[in-house]
Protein backbone atom coordinates (compact mmCIF):
# COMPACT_ATOMS: atom_id res chain seq x y z
CA UNK A 1 109.84 139.93 -93.97
CA UNK A 2 111.07 142.94 -92.00
CA UNK A 3 110.87 146.50 -93.18
CA UNK A 4 113.55 147.14 -95.79
CA UNK A 5 114.85 150.08 -93.78
CA UNK A 6 115.88 147.96 -90.76
CA UNK A 7 119.65 147.91 -90.34
CA UNK A 8 121.81 145.32 -88.58
CA UNK A 9 125.57 145.09 -88.05
CA UNK A 10 126.91 141.51 -87.94
CA UNK A 11 130.52 140.95 -86.85
CA UNK A 12 132.70 138.03 -87.90
CA UNK A 13 131.23 137.25 -91.33
CA UNK A 14 134.20 135.73 -93.15
CA UNK A 15 132.66 132.26 -92.98
CA UNK A 16 130.43 129.90 -91.05
CA UNK A 17 127.66 131.15 -88.81
CA UNK A 18 128.31 134.86 -89.40
CA UNK A 19 128.27 134.46 -93.18
CA UNK A 20 125.12 132.34 -93.10
CA UNK A 21 123.24 134.68 -90.78
CA UNK A 22 124.20 137.70 -92.89
CA UNK A 23 122.85 135.96 -95.99
CA UNK A 24 119.59 134.97 -94.32
CA UNK A 25 119.08 138.43 -92.81
CA UNK A 26 119.48 139.99 -96.24
CA UNK A 27 116.98 137.52 -97.69
CA UNK A 28 114.55 138.56 -94.96
CA UNK A 29 114.82 142.21 -95.95
CA UNK A 30 117.39 143.64 -93.55
CA UNK A 31 120.05 146.07 -94.64
CA UNK A 32 123.04 144.03 -93.50
CA UNK A 33 126.40 145.56 -92.60
CA UNK A 34 129.15 142.99 -92.10
CA UNK A 35 132.69 142.91 -90.73
CA UNK A 36 135.80 140.87 -91.42
CA UNK A 37 139.48 141.12 -90.50
CA UNK A 38 141.35 139.73 -93.51
CA UNK A 39 141.46 141.83 -96.66
CA UNK A 40 140.68 138.85 -98.88
CA UNK A 41 137.44 138.25 -96.93
CA UNK A 42 136.53 141.94 -97.05
CA UNK A 43 136.91 142.00 -100.82
CA UNK A 44 134.88 138.81 -101.25
CA UNK A 45 132.05 140.12 -99.07
CA UNK A 46 132.01 143.40 -100.98
CA UNK A 47 131.83 141.45 -104.24
CA UNK A 48 128.80 139.65 -102.80
CA UNK A 49 127.10 143.02 -102.38
CA UNK A 50 127.55 143.58 -98.66
CA UNK A 51 128.50 146.88 -97.04
CA UNK A 52 131.68 145.57 -95.44
CA UNK A 53 133.90 147.05 -92.74
CA UNK A 54 137.30 146.12 -91.36
CA UNK A 55 137.25 145.04 -87.72
CA UNK A 56 140.20 143.95 -85.58
CA UNK A 57 138.68 142.93 -82.25
CA UNK A 58 142.01 143.27 -80.42
CA UNK A 59 142.13 147.01 -81.14
CA UNK A 60 139.83 149.59 -79.53
CA UNK A 61 140.49 152.14 -82.26
CA UNK A 62 139.43 149.61 -84.90
CA UNK A 63 136.22 148.84 -83.01
CA UNK A 64 135.32 152.53 -82.74
CA UNK A 65 136.25 153.21 -86.38
CA UNK A 66 134.16 150.25 -87.54
CA UNK A 67 131.11 151.37 -85.59
CA UNK A 68 131.41 154.99 -86.76
CA UNK A 69 131.85 153.92 -90.40
CA UNK A 70 128.76 151.71 -90.17
CA UNK A 71 126.67 154.59 -88.83
CA UNK A 72 128.00 156.92 -91.50
CA UNK A 73 127.00 154.41 -94.19
CA UNK A 74 123.39 154.34 -92.94
CA UNK A 75 122.96 158.00 -92.07
CA UNK A 76 123.04 157.17 -88.37
CA UNK A 77 120.53 154.31 -88.38
CA UNK A 78 121.24 151.06 -86.55
CA UNK A 79 118.36 148.85 -85.40
CA UNK A 80 120.34 145.82 -84.27
CA UNK A 81 123.77 144.30 -83.81
CA UNK A 82 124.83 140.65 -83.72
CA UNK A 83 128.19 140.31 -81.97
CA UNK A 84 129.34 137.07 -83.57
CA UNK A 85 133.12 137.51 -84.02
CA UNK A 86 135.33 135.31 -81.87
CA UNK A 87 137.65 132.31 -81.73
CA UNK A 88 138.40 129.33 -79.49
CA UNK A 89 141.64 128.94 -77.54
CA UNK A 90 142.14 125.25 -76.83
CA UNK A 91 144.22 124.00 -73.94
CA UNK A 92 144.03 122.62 -70.42
CA UNK A 93 143.83 125.29 -67.75
CA UNK A 94 147.20 124.26 -66.29
CA UNK A 95 148.78 124.80 -69.73
CA UNK A 96 147.33 128.24 -70.44
CA UNK A 97 149.81 131.11 -70.23
CA UNK A 98 148.37 134.44 -69.14
CA UNK A 99 148.97 135.83 -72.64
CA UNK A 100 146.65 133.20 -74.15
CA UNK A 101 143.89 134.00 -71.67
CA UNK A 102 144.29 137.75 -72.19
CA UNK A 103 144.03 137.40 -75.97
CA UNK A 104 140.99 135.14 -75.70
CA UNK A 105 139.20 137.67 -73.51
CA UNK A 106 140.33 140.59 -75.67
CA UNK A 107 138.49 139.14 -78.67
CA UNK A 108 135.60 137.20 -77.14
CA UNK A 109 134.70 139.48 -74.25
CA UNK A 110 136.24 142.97 -74.17
CA UNK A 111 135.69 143.63 -77.88
CA UNK A 112 132.07 142.54 -77.53
CA UNK A 113 131.62 144.91 -74.63
CA UNK A 114 133.26 147.83 -76.42
CA UNK A 115 130.95 147.33 -79.39
CA UNK A 116 127.97 146.93 -77.07
CA UNK A 117 128.70 150.18 -75.23
CA UNK A 118 128.78 152.03 -78.54
CA UNK A 119 125.57 150.35 -79.70
CA UNK A 120 123.55 150.77 -76.51
CA UNK A 121 124.35 154.47 -76.28
CA UNK A 122 123.25 155.02 -79.86
CA UNK A 123 120.14 152.88 -79.45
CA UNK A 124 119.04 154.63 -76.27
CA UNK A 125 119.32 157.95 -78.11
CA UNK A 126 117.23 156.70 -81.04
CA UNK A 127 114.73 155.03 -78.69
CA UNK A 128 115.03 151.37 -79.71
CA UNK A 129 117.41 148.57 -80.62
CA UNK A 130 118.33 144.90 -80.29
CA UNK A 131 121.75 143.62 -79.22
CA UNK A 132 122.44 139.91 -79.64
CA UNK A 133 125.60 138.31 -78.25
CA UNK A 134 126.78 134.98 -79.64
CA UNK A 135 127.56 132.81 -76.64
CA UNK A 136 127.79 129.03 -76.49
CA UNK A 137 126.79 125.89 -74.68
CA UNK A 138 130.23 126.40 -73.13
CA UNK A 139 128.86 129.51 -71.44
CA UNK A 140 127.32 127.22 -68.84
CA UNK A 141 129.01 123.82 -69.44
CA UNK A 142 132.73 123.71 -68.55
CA UNK A 143 134.20 121.18 -70.99
CA UNK A 144 137.79 120.03 -70.60
CA UNK A 145 140.65 121.44 -72.70
CA UNK A 146 138.51 124.50 -73.49
CA UNK A 147 139.03 126.52 -70.31
CA UNK A 148 139.86 129.87 -71.94
CA UNK A 149 136.89 129.71 -74.30
CA UNK A 150 134.61 128.47 -71.50
CA UNK A 151 135.68 131.39 -69.31
CA UNK A 152 135.12 133.99 -72.04
CA UNK A 153 131.60 132.70 -72.69
CA UNK A 154 130.77 132.39 -68.98
CA UNK A 155 131.79 136.06 -68.69
CA UNK A 156 129.41 137.03 -71.50
CA UNK A 157 126.59 135.18 -69.77
CA UNK A 158 127.16 136.97 -66.48
CA UNK A 159 127.58 140.46 -67.91
CA UNK A 160 124.75 140.43 -70.41
CA UNK A 161 122.33 138.49 -68.25
CA UNK A 162 122.74 141.45 -65.91
CA UNK A 163 122.38 143.97 -68.74
CA UNK A 164 119.18 142.25 -69.92
CA UNK A 165 117.67 143.01 -66.52
CA UNK A 166 118.97 146.58 -66.47
CA UNK A 167 117.38 147.34 -69.86
CA UNK A 168 113.94 145.99 -69.02
CA UNK A 169 112.34 149.42 -68.70
CA UNK A 170 113.66 150.57 -72.08
CA UNK A 171 113.02 149.66 -75.71
CA UNK A 172 116.61 148.46 -76.06
CA UNK A 173 117.04 144.71 -75.51
CA UNK A 174 120.03 142.39 -75.15
CA UNK A 175 119.95 138.61 -75.56
CA UNK A 176 122.46 135.77 -75.76
CA UNK A 177 122.39 132.89 -78.22
CA UNK A 178 123.81 129.71 -76.67
CA UNK A 179 124.97 127.57 -79.58
CA UNK A 180 125.96 123.92 -79.37
CA UNK A 181 127.85 121.95 -82.04
CA UNK A 182 127.34 123.61 -85.42
CA UNK A 183 129.44 123.08 -88.58
CA UNK A 184 131.91 125.95 -88.83
CA UNK A 185 135.62 126.68 -89.06
CA UNK A 186 135.98 127.50 -85.37
CA UNK A 187 137.95 124.33 -84.56
CA UNK A 188 140.18 124.64 -87.63
CA UNK A 189 140.74 128.34 -86.92
CA UNK A 190 141.72 127.48 -83.34
CA UNK A 191 144.67 125.34 -84.41
CA UNK A 192 147.20 128.19 -84.80
CA UNK A 193 146.36 129.45 -81.29
CA UNK A 194 146.85 125.98 -79.84
CA UNK A 195 150.26 125.73 -81.49
CA UNK A 196 151.19 129.30 -80.53
CA UNK A 197 150.40 129.18 -76.83
CA UNK A 198 150.41 125.55 -75.66
CA UNK A 199 153.64 123.67 -74.93
CA UNK A 200 152.31 120.38 -76.25
CA UNK A 201 155.49 118.33 -75.85
CA UNK A 202 155.81 119.13 -72.13
CA UNK A 203 152.16 118.83 -71.17
CA UNK A 204 150.48 116.06 -69.20
CA UNK A 205 147.80 116.30 -71.92
CA UNK A 206 150.26 115.74 -74.78
CA UNK A 207 148.43 112.74 -76.23
CA UNK A 208 145.07 114.51 -76.26
CA UNK A 209 146.58 117.55 -77.97
CA UNK A 210 148.38 115.49 -80.60
CA UNK A 211 145.23 113.53 -81.41
CA UNK A 212 143.28 116.76 -81.80
CA UNK A 213 145.97 118.38 -83.96
CA UNK A 214 146.18 115.31 -86.20
CA UNK A 215 142.41 115.28 -86.67
CA UNK A 216 142.25 118.97 -87.52
CA UNK A 217 145.22 118.86 -89.87
CA UNK A 218 143.52 115.97 -91.67
CA UNK A 219 140.52 118.25 -92.23
CA UNK A 220 138.25 116.79 -89.59
CA UNK A 221 136.50 118.81 -86.91
CA UNK A 222 134.37 117.83 -83.89
CA UNK A 223 132.16 120.82 -84.77
CA UNK A 224 130.89 118.97 -87.85
CA UNK A 225 128.29 117.06 -85.82
CA UNK A 226 125.75 119.89 -86.11
CA UNK A 227 123.10 120.29 -88.78
CA UNK A 228 124.21 123.54 -90.34
CA UNK A 229 124.09 127.17 -89.29
CA UNK A 230 120.36 127.65 -89.99
CA UNK A 231 119.33 126.75 -86.40
CA UNK A 232 121.38 129.72 -85.20
CA UNK A 233 119.57 132.01 -87.61
CA UNK A 234 116.19 130.73 -86.41
CA UNK A 235 117.02 131.86 -82.86
CA UNK A 236 118.69 135.07 -84.01
CA UNK A 237 115.50 135.94 -85.87
CA UNK A 238 113.51 135.40 -82.68
CA UNK A 239 115.89 137.53 -80.62
CA UNK A 240 115.48 140.31 -83.18
CA UNK A 241 111.71 140.07 -83.50
CA UNK A 242 110.18 138.70 -80.30
CA UNK A 243 108.06 141.33 -78.57
CA UNK A 244 109.72 140.46 -75.25
CA UNK A 245 113.12 138.95 -76.11
CA UNK A 246 114.46 136.26 -73.80
CA UNK A 247 117.77 136.62 -71.96
CA UNK A 248 119.02 133.41 -73.63
CA UNK A 249 118.10 131.31 -76.66
CA UNK A 250 119.30 127.70 -76.86
CA UNK A 251 120.50 126.31 -80.20
CA UNK A 252 120.94 122.56 -80.93
CA UNK A 253 119.62 119.52 -79.10
CA UNK A 254 122.84 119.21 -77.10
CA UNK A 255 122.31 122.65 -75.55
CA UNK A 256 118.78 121.79 -74.43
CA UNK A 257 119.97 118.48 -72.97
CA UNK A 258 122.86 120.19 -71.16
CA UNK A 259 120.53 122.83 -69.74
CA UNK A 260 118.18 120.15 -68.44
CA UNK A 261 121.00 118.07 -66.96
CA UNK A 262 122.46 121.10 -65.20
CA UNK A 263 119.11 121.68 -63.48
CA UNK A 264 118.59 118.05 -62.53
CA UNK A 265 121.99 116.54 -61.70
CA UNK A 266 124.35 117.13 -58.77
CA UNK A 267 127.32 119.21 -59.90
CA UNK A 268 129.88 116.39 -59.85
CA UNK A 269 127.68 114.09 -61.93
CA UNK A 270 126.83 116.93 -64.32
CA UNK A 271 130.52 117.66 -64.93
CA UNK A 272 131.27 113.98 -65.51
CA UNK A 273 128.38 113.62 -67.95
CA UNK A 274 129.15 116.75 -69.94
CA UNK A 275 132.81 115.90 -70.34
CA UNK A 276 131.99 112.61 -72.00
CA UNK A 277 130.96 114.88 -74.91
CA UNK A 278 134.40 116.51 -75.10
């Protein structure tokens, strides 16, 4: 159990990993502040007893307003933040319009950094804090038809691996959680973005897209091969409590295997092996 007074802000809590981690943090004694974008999710989270705040990651004013409202609710106390909000833009790189890539980075990268800048400034002033960024196995494994998402997570790895080093002489720490396949709605939630931005009918990858769309519309998801969101919470708990937090924490067997293969295999063979998982 942590001290009851410890406060954490968790973004992207409408379902899946964010919702599970918020629940487990509260069970472990944290004061948990959560965010969501849709009003129906905000109302449901409030009914569940959470201090809930609206957050639209595509809007800087919303990010600042969310952070300020969270601080106001706690009298200025914030011990940790888990930047979990995000989505996955599917599509081959040759099919990605610039608008799709910009929107993916706006949510998965720039919004994370805006929230991080607000948090790190506050935490330096108060003398301590933990910042945890939710990355992915795709932050170091480039899997096909996921180029935009891969790129956004690679960017997180580069930026916050650097920040981890820069914060070493302070009592503010930043870590990344690299999650492999975990049951969530991320694949289902990605479907509208695939339909919005990818010209399926005129793509060389038409058959792959149509097979994926059919599977998702039937209710199936390749993300369902994981064992639940609890493994993410186990590593989140470590990132929040380890005396010397690591730069990265692997989650799921697949992530450990991929990390080992990347160290051991020549690049071409590594890429071929990883993309058999796609």
